Amino acid sequence: MDLEATKNLSESHTTGNYILKSKLGESSFSTVWKAENKITGGGVAVKQVYLSKLNKNLRNCLDCELNFLSSVNHTNIIRLLDVFEVSFPYPFE
């Protein structure tokens, strides 16, 4: 992993049931965070998608991806645990 892509948060940020620990990576449309589930204490990845940056086609693709991931249970496919929306400004960045 590229160390420059991992940014430790100076403060603890919480969104939904997750405590964000560090940034794992980012693109033009999203950021992926290493996080901890507040309830179970388990490690998770939280993908922050910037909906305002998505055109209609990309929003449809995101909807399809979420529908697929919520319906599949396979060891070689990442498991979708939760989907939630937060209002702008984002509580973390």
Protein backbone atom coordinates (compact mmCIF):
# COMPACT_ATOMS: atom_id res chain seq x y z
CA MET A 1 0.00 0.00 0.00
CA ASP A 2 1.23 3.50 -0.83
CA LEU A 3 1.92 5.26 2.46
CA GLU A 4 0.94 8.61 0.98
CA ALA A 5 -2.54 7.22 0.29
CA THR A 6 -3.00 6.44 3.99
CA LYS A 7 -3.83 9.55 5.97
CA ASN A 8 -4.42 9.17 9.68
CA LEU A 9 -7.17 11.36 11.02
CA SER A 10 -6.03 13.82 13.67
CA GLU A 11 -9.40 13.52 15.42
CA SER A 12 -11.85 10.67 15.71
CA HIS A 13 -14.65 11.07 13.16
CA THR A 14 -17.86 9.11 13.43
CA THR A 15 -20.44 8.56 10.74
CA GLY A 16 -23.35 6.19 11.17
CA ASN A 17 -22.16 3.25 13.27
CA TYR A 18 -18.53 3.68 12.22
CA ILE A 19 -15.43 5.35 13.63
CA LEU A 20 -13.13 6.42 10.82
CA LYS A 21 -9.47 5.64 11.44
CA SER A 22 -7.49 6.44 8.29
CA LYS A 23 -7.86 7.08 4.59
CA LEU A 24 -7.09 4.04 2.44
CA GLY A 25 -7.57 5.63 -0.98
CA GLU A 26 -9.54 8.08 -3.04
CA SER A 27 -10.74 8.89 -6.52
CA SER A 28 -12.61 11.77 -8.12
CA PHE A 29 -15.94 10.38 -6.93
CA SER A 30 -15.19 8.64 -3.63
CA THR A 31 -12.90 8.07 -0.67
CA VAL A 32 -12.39 4.75 1.13
CA TRP A 33 -11.72 4.82 4.87
CA LYS A 34 -10.41 2.19 7.26
CA ALA A 35 -12.97 2.20 10.07
CA GLU A 36 -14.25 0.39 13.13
CA ASN A 37 -17.83 -0.66 13.77
CA LYS A 38 -18.90 1.06 17.02
CA ILE A 39 -21.18 -1.83 17.98
CA THR A 40 -19.07 -4.89 17.16
CA GLY A 41 -15.58 -3.37 17.24
CA GLY A 42 -14.86 -5.12 13.94
CA GLY A 43 -12.75 -3.61 11.20
CA VAL A 44 -14.55 -2.40 8.09
CA ALA A 45 -14.01 -0.25 5.02
CA VAL A 46 -16.32 2.75 4.57
CA LYS A 47 -16.72 4.08 1.04
CA GLN A 48 -17.72 7.74 0.95
CA VAL A 49 -19.32 8.53 -2.42
CA TYR A 50 -19.71 12.18 -3.46
CA LEU A 51 -23.20 12.04 -4.97
CA SER A 52 -23.00 15.66 -6.11
CA LYS A 53 -20.14 14.68 -8.46
CA LEU A 54 -22.08 11.86 -10.13
CA ASN A 55 -24.03 12.39 -13.32
CA LYS A 56 -27.30 10.53 -13.88
CA ASN A 57 -25.59 7.58 -15.57
CA LEU A 58 -23.07 7.15 -12.73
CA ARG A 59 -25.85 7.38 -10.13
CA ASN A 60 -27.66 4.57 -11.96
CA CYS A 61 -24.44 2.52 -11.94
CA LEU A 62 -24.08 3.13 -8.21
CA ASP A 63 -27.67 2.01 -7.63
CA CYS A 64 -27.02 -1.17 -9.64
CA GLU A 65 -23.83 -1.87 -7.70
CA LEU A 66 -25.60 -1.41 -4.35
CA ASN A 67 -28.48 -3.65 -5.42
CA PHE A 68 -26.06 -6.35 -6.55
CA LEU A 69 -23.85 -6.20 -3.46
CA SER A 70 -26.86 -6.28 -1.13
CA SER A 71 -28.14 -9.46 -2.76
CA VAL A 72 -24.95 -11.51 -3.09
CA ASN A 73 -23.15 -13.61 -0.47
CA HIS A 74 -19.90 -15.02 -1.84
CA THR A 75 -16.44 -15.40 -0.29
CA ASN A 76 -14.75 -13.67 -3.26
CA ILE A 77 -17.06 -10.65 -3.33
CA ILE A 78 -16.96 -7.88 -0.74
CA ARG A 79 -19.94 -7.96 1.62
CA LEU A 80 -22.12 -4.87 1.84
CA LEU A 81 -23.01 -4.24 5.48
CA ASP A 82 -24.75 -0.88 5.43
CA VAL A 83 -25.80 2.02 3.21
CA PHE A 84 -26.59 5.46 4.56
CA GLU A 85 -26.60 9.05 3.37
CA VAL A 86 -25.26 12.07 5.21
CA SER A 87 -25.98 15.69 4.40
CA PHE A 88 -23.44 18.13 3.06
CA PRO A 89 -21.07 19.27 4.43
CA TYR A 90 -19.65 15.82 5.05
CA PRO A 91 -18.84 15.13 8.70
CA PHE A 92 -15.41 13.90 7.68
CA GLU A 93 -12.76 14.74 5.10
